[in-house]
């Protein structure tokens, strides 16, 4: 997973918990994850959250994966092959 995508995922989680006025601790409880797992994700110690981790977070927030990724920031991400094509050899 590239750095930009990981950053967007972290930012989105923080945005959603702020909008719901809940803490990471509450989110951890709601999605049946350990506090340390969420902390590692938010504090960039885990750079590659799996889709299942993101799904569990969505379940805890009461949203779908589509709703999680439905932002302008995610829409602006370039496909991975486009990013590699733009790099000089």
N, C-alpha and C. Protein backbone atom coordinates (compact mmCIF):
# COMPACT_ATOMS: atom_id res chain seq x y z
N UNK A 1 0.86 -1.18 0.00
CA UNK A 1 0.00 0.00 0.00
C UNK A 1 0.90 1.23 0.00
N UNK A 2 0.58 2.19 -0.84
CA UNK A 2 1.47 3.34 -0.89
C UNK A 2 1.22 4.30 0.28
N UNK A 3 2.19 5.14 0.50
CA UNK A 3 2.17 6.05 1.64
C UNK A 3 0.96 7.00 1.58
N UNK A 4 0.67 7.50 0.39
CA UNK A 4 -0.45 8.44 0.26
C UNK A 4 -1.78 7.79 0.64
N UNK A 5 -1.99 6.57 0.20
CA UNK A 5 -3.23 5.87 0.53
C UNK A 5 -3.32 5.60 2.03
N UNK A 6 -2.23 5.17 2.63
CA UNK A 6 -2.22 4.92 4.07
C UNK A 6 -2.55 6.19 4.84
N UNK A 7 -1.99 7.30 4.40
CA UNK A 7 -2.27 8.59 5.06
C UNK A 7 -3.73 8.97 4.93
N UNK A 8 -4.30 8.75 3.74
CA UNK A 8 -5.72 9.08 3.53
C UNK A 8 -6.62 8.21 4.41
N UNK A 9 -6.26 6.95 4.58
CA UNK A 9 -7.05 6.07 5.44
C UNK A 9 -7.00 6.56 6.88
N UNK A 10 -5.82 6.91 7.37
CA UNK A 10 -5.70 7.45 8.72
C UNK A 10 -6.51 8.72 8.89
N UNK A 11 -6.37 9.63 7.94
CA UNK A 11 -7.10 10.90 8.01
C UNK A 11 -8.61 10.67 8.00
N UNK A 12 -9.06 9.71 7.20
CA UNK A 12 -10.50 9.43 7.11
C UNK A 12 -11.03 8.88 8.43
N UNK A 13 -10.27 7.98 9.05
CA UNK A 13 -10.70 7.44 10.35
C UNK A 13 -10.80 8.57 11.36
N UNK A 14 -9.79 9.42 11.42
CA UNK A 14 -9.81 10.53 12.37
C UNK A 14 -10.98 11.49 12.09
N UNK A 15 -11.24 11.73 10.82
CA UNK A 15 -12.36 12.60 10.43
C UNK A 15 -13.69 12.00 10.90
N UNK A 16 -13.85 10.72 10.72
CA UNK A 16 -15.11 10.07 11.08
C UNK A 16 -15.32 10.01 12.59
N UNK A 17 -14.25 9.75 13.36
CA UNK A 17 -14.45 9.70 14.81
C UNK A 17 -14.67 11.10 15.37
N UNK A 18 -14.06 12.09 14.75
CA UNK A 18 -14.31 13.47 15.19
C UNK A 18 -15.75 13.87 14.91
N UNK A 19 -16.24 13.52 13.72
CA UNK A 19 -17.62 13.86 13.35
C UNK A 19 -18.62 13.19 14.29
N UNK A 20 -18.27 12.01 14.76
CA UNK A 20 -19.17 11.28 15.66
C UNK A 20 -18.90 11.57 17.13
N UNK A 21 -17.89 12.37 17.35
CA UNK A 21 -17.49 12.77 18.71
C UNK A 21 -17.25 11.55 19.60
N UNK A 22 -16.47 10.60 19.05
CA UNK A 22 -16.08 9.44 19.84
C UNK A 22 -14.55 9.36 19.87
N UNK A 23 -14.03 8.63 20.81
CA UNK A 23 -12.59 8.46 20.94
C UNK A 23 -12.14 7.20 20.21
N UNK A 24 -10.83 7.08 20.04
CA UNK A 24 -10.29 5.84 19.48
C UNK A 24 -10.61 4.66 20.38
N UNK A 25 -10.62 4.90 21.67
CA UNK A 25 -10.96 3.84 22.62
C UNK A 25 -12.38 3.34 22.37
N UNK A 26 -13.32 4.26 22.19
CA UNK A 26 -14.70 3.87 21.90
C UNK A 26 -14.80 3.16 20.56
N UNK A 27 -14.09 3.66 19.56
CA UNK A 27 -14.12 3.00 18.26
C UNK A 27 -13.57 1.58 18.37
N UNK A 28 -12.49 1.41 19.12
CA UNK A 28 -11.91 0.08 19.31
C UNK A 28 -12.96 -0.88 19.90
N UNK A 29 -13.68 -0.40 20.89
CA UNK A 29 -14.74 -1.22 21.49
C UNK A 29 -15.83 -1.54 20.47
N UNK A 30 -16.25 -0.51 19.73
CA UNK A 30 -17.35 -0.66 18.78
C UNK A 30 -17.01 -1.62 17.64
N UNK A 31 -15.75 -1.67 17.26
CA UNK A 31 -15.39 -2.55 16.14
C UNK A 31 -14.66 -3.81 16.60
N UNK A 32 -14.67 -4.04 17.92
CA UNK A 32 -14.10 -5.25 18.50
C UNK A 32 -12.64 -5.45 18.10
N UNK A 33 -11.88 -4.36 18.21
CA UNK A 33 -10.44 -4.39 17.93
C UNK A 33 -9.71 -3.95 19.19
N UNK A 34 -8.45 -4.29 19.27
CA UNK A 34 -7.68 -3.81 20.41
C UNK A 34 -7.34 -2.34 20.21
N UNK A 35 -7.22 -1.65 21.31
CA UNK A 35 -6.83 -0.25 21.28
C UNK A 35 -5.47 -0.10 20.60
N UNK A 36 -4.56 -1.03 20.85
CA UNK A 36 -3.22 -0.94 20.28
C UNK A 36 -3.24 -1.06 18.75
N UNK A 37 -4.14 -1.87 18.23
CA UNK A 37 -4.25 -2.00 16.77
C UNK A 37 -4.63 -0.67 16.14
N UNK A 38 -5.63 -0.02 16.70
CA UNK A 38 -6.04 1.29 16.17
C UNK A 38 -4.96 2.34 16.40
N UNK A 39 -4.34 2.33 17.56
CA UNK A 39 -3.26 3.29 17.82
C UNK A 39 -2.12 3.12 16.82
N UNK A 40 -1.75 1.86 16.55
CA UNK A 40 -0.68 1.62 15.58
C UNK A 40 -1.04 2.13 14.20
N UNK A 41 -2.28 1.95 13.83
CA UNK A 41 -2.74 2.44 12.54
C UNK A 41 -2.71 3.97 12.48
N UNK A 42 -3.22 4.61 13.49
CA UNK A 42 -3.28 6.07 13.51
C UNK A 42 -1.90 6.70 13.68
N UNK A 43 -1.05 6.06 14.46
CA UNK A 43 0.29 6.61 14.72
C UNK A 43 1.33 6.15 13.71
N UNK A 44 0.88 5.62 12.60
CA UNK A 44 1.73 5.23 11.47
C UNK A 44 2.70 4.09 11.77
N UNK A 45 2.43 3.32 12.80
CA UNK A 45 3.28 2.17 13.06
C UNK A 45 2.82 0.98 12.24
N UNK A 46 1.61 1.05 11.74
CA UNK A 46 1.08 0.01 10.85
C UNK A 46 0.74 0.71 9.54
N UNK A 47 1.57 0.52 8.55
CA UNK A 47 1.40 1.28 7.31
C UNK A 47 0.48 0.62 6.29
N UNK A 48 0.05 -0.60 6.57
CA UNK A 48 -0.75 -1.32 5.58
C UNK A 48 -1.98 -1.97 6.19
N UNK A 49 -2.99 -1.18 6.54
CA UNK A 49 -4.20 -1.82 7.07
C UNK A 49 -4.85 -2.68 6.00
N UNK A 50 -5.28 -3.86 6.39
CA UNK A 50 -5.94 -4.73 5.43
C UNK A 50 -7.37 -4.24 5.19
N UNK A 51 -7.95 -4.74 4.13
CA UNK A 51 -9.34 -4.37 3.84
C UNK A 51 -10.25 -4.89 4.95
N UNK A 52 -9.90 -6.02 5.57
CA UNK A 52 -10.70 -6.54 6.68
C UNK A 52 -10.62 -5.62 7.90
N UNK A 53 -9.46 -5.03 8.15
CA UNK A 53 -9.33 -4.07 9.25
C UNK A 53 -10.20 -2.85 8.97
N UNK A 54 -10.14 -2.36 7.75
CA UNK A 54 -10.95 -1.20 7.39
C UNK A 54 -12.44 -1.55 7.48
N UNK A 55 -12.79 -2.76 7.07
CA UNK A 55 -14.20 -3.20 7.16
C UNK A 55 -14.67 -3.25 8.60
N UNK A 56 -13.83 -3.75 9.49
CA UNK A 56 -14.20 -3.79 10.92
C UNK A 56 -14.39 -2.38 11.46
N UNK A 57 -13.54 -1.47 11.05
CA UNK A 57 -13.67 -0.07 11.48
C UNK A 57 -14.99 0.49 10.95
N UNK A 58 -15.29 0.22 9.69
CA UNK A 58 -16.55 0.68 9.11
C UNK A 58 -17.74 0.11 9.86
N UNK A 59 -17.68 -1.16 10.20
CA UNK A 59 -18.76 -1.78 10.97
C UNK A 59 -18.93 -1.08 12.31
N UNK A 60 -17.83 -0.77 12.97
CA UNK A 60 -17.89 -0.07 14.25
C UNK A 60 -18.46 1.33 14.12
N UNK A 61 -18.24 1.95 12.97
CA UNK A 61 -18.76 3.30 12.73
C UNK A 61 -20.17 3.28 12.15
N UNK A 62 -20.63 2.09 11.78
CA UNK A 62 -21.97 1.99 11.20
C UNK A 62 -22.05 2.51 9.78
N UNK A 63 -20.98 2.34 9.02
CA UNK A 63 -20.96 2.78 7.62
C UNK A 63 -20.47 1.63 6.74
N UNK A 64 -20.67 1.78 5.45
CA UNK A 64 -20.19 0.78 4.49
C UNK A 64 -18.79 1.15 4.02
N UNK A 65 -18.14 0.18 3.39
CA UNK A 65 -16.84 0.48 2.78
C UNK A 65 -16.98 1.58 1.73
N UNK A 66 -18.08 1.54 0.98
CA UNK A 66 -18.32 2.58 -0.03
C UNK A 66 -18.37 3.96 0.60
N UNK A 67 -19.06 4.07 1.72
CA UNK A 67 -19.14 5.36 2.41
C UNK A 67 -17.77 5.79 2.93
N UNK A 68 -16.99 4.84 3.41
CA UNK A 68 -15.66 5.17 3.93
C UNK A 68 -14.80 5.78 2.83
N UNK A 69 -14.82 5.16 1.65
CA UNK A 69 -13.95 5.61 0.56
C UNK A 69 -14.58 6.68 -0.33
N UNK A 70 -15.81 7.09 -0.04
CA UNK A 70 -16.51 8.06 -0.87
C UNK A 70 -16.14 9.49 -0.48
N UNK A 71 -14.92 9.86 -0.83
CA UNK A 71 -14.46 11.23 -0.57
C UNK A 71 -13.70 11.72 -1.79
N UNK A 72 -13.60 13.03 -1.92
CA UNK A 72 -12.83 13.61 -3.03
C UNK A 72 -11.37 13.18 -2.95
N UNK A 73 -10.82 13.09 -1.74
CA UNK A 73 -9.41 12.73 -1.58
C UNK A 73 -9.14 11.34 -2.17
N UNK A 74 -10.00 10.37 -1.89
CA UNK A 74 -9.80 9.03 -2.45
C UNK A 74 -10.04 9.05 -3.96
N UNK A 75 -11.00 9.85 -4.42
CA UNK A 75 -11.27 9.93 -5.86
C UNK A 75 -10.08 10.48 -6.63
N UNK A 76 -9.29 11.34 -6.00
CA UNK A 76 -8.14 11.96 -6.67
C UNK A 76 -6.91 11.08 -6.73
N UNK A 77 -6.92 9.96 -6.01
CA UNK A 77 -5.77 9.06 -6.05
C UNK A 77 -5.56 8.52 -7.46
N UNK A 78 -4.34 8.52 -7.89
CA UNK A 78 -4.02 7.94 -9.19
C UNK A 78 -3.91 6.43 -9.06
N UNK A 79 -4.30 5.71 -10.08
CA UNK A 79 -4.09 4.26 -10.03
C UNK A 79 -2.60 3.96 -9.89
N UNK A 80 -2.27 2.87 -9.23
CA UNK A 80 -0.87 2.52 -8.99
C UNK A 80 -0.07 2.45 -10.27
N UNK A 81 -0.64 1.89 -11.33
CA UNK A 81 0.11 1.79 -12.58
C UNK A 81 0.42 3.16 -13.17
N UNK A 82 -0.46 4.14 -12.96
CA UNK A 82 -0.20 5.50 -13.45
C UNK A 82 0.95 6.13 -12.69
N UNK A 83 1.03 5.87 -11.39
CA UNK A 83 2.11 6.43 -10.60
C UNK A 83 3.44 5.84 -11.04
N UNK A 84 3.49 4.55 -11.31
CA UNK A 84 4.76 3.94 -11.71
C UNK A 84 5.15 4.35 -13.13
N UNK A 85 4.17 4.59 -13.98
CA UNK A 85 4.46 5.03 -15.35
C UNK A 85 5.05 6.43 -15.37
N UNK A 86 4.71 7.25 -14.39
CA UNK A 86 5.19 8.62 -14.39
C UNK A 86 6.61 8.74 -13.86
N UNK A 87 7.16 7.65 -13.29
CA UNK A 87 8.51 7.68 -12.78
C UNK A 87 9.50 7.38 -13.90
N UNK A 88 10.57 8.19 -13.99
CA UNK A 88 11.57 7.92 -15.04
C UNK A 88 12.32 6.63 -14.73
N UNK A 89 12.75 5.93 -15.79
CA UNK A 89 13.51 4.68 -15.63
C UNK A 89 14.94 4.93 -15.35
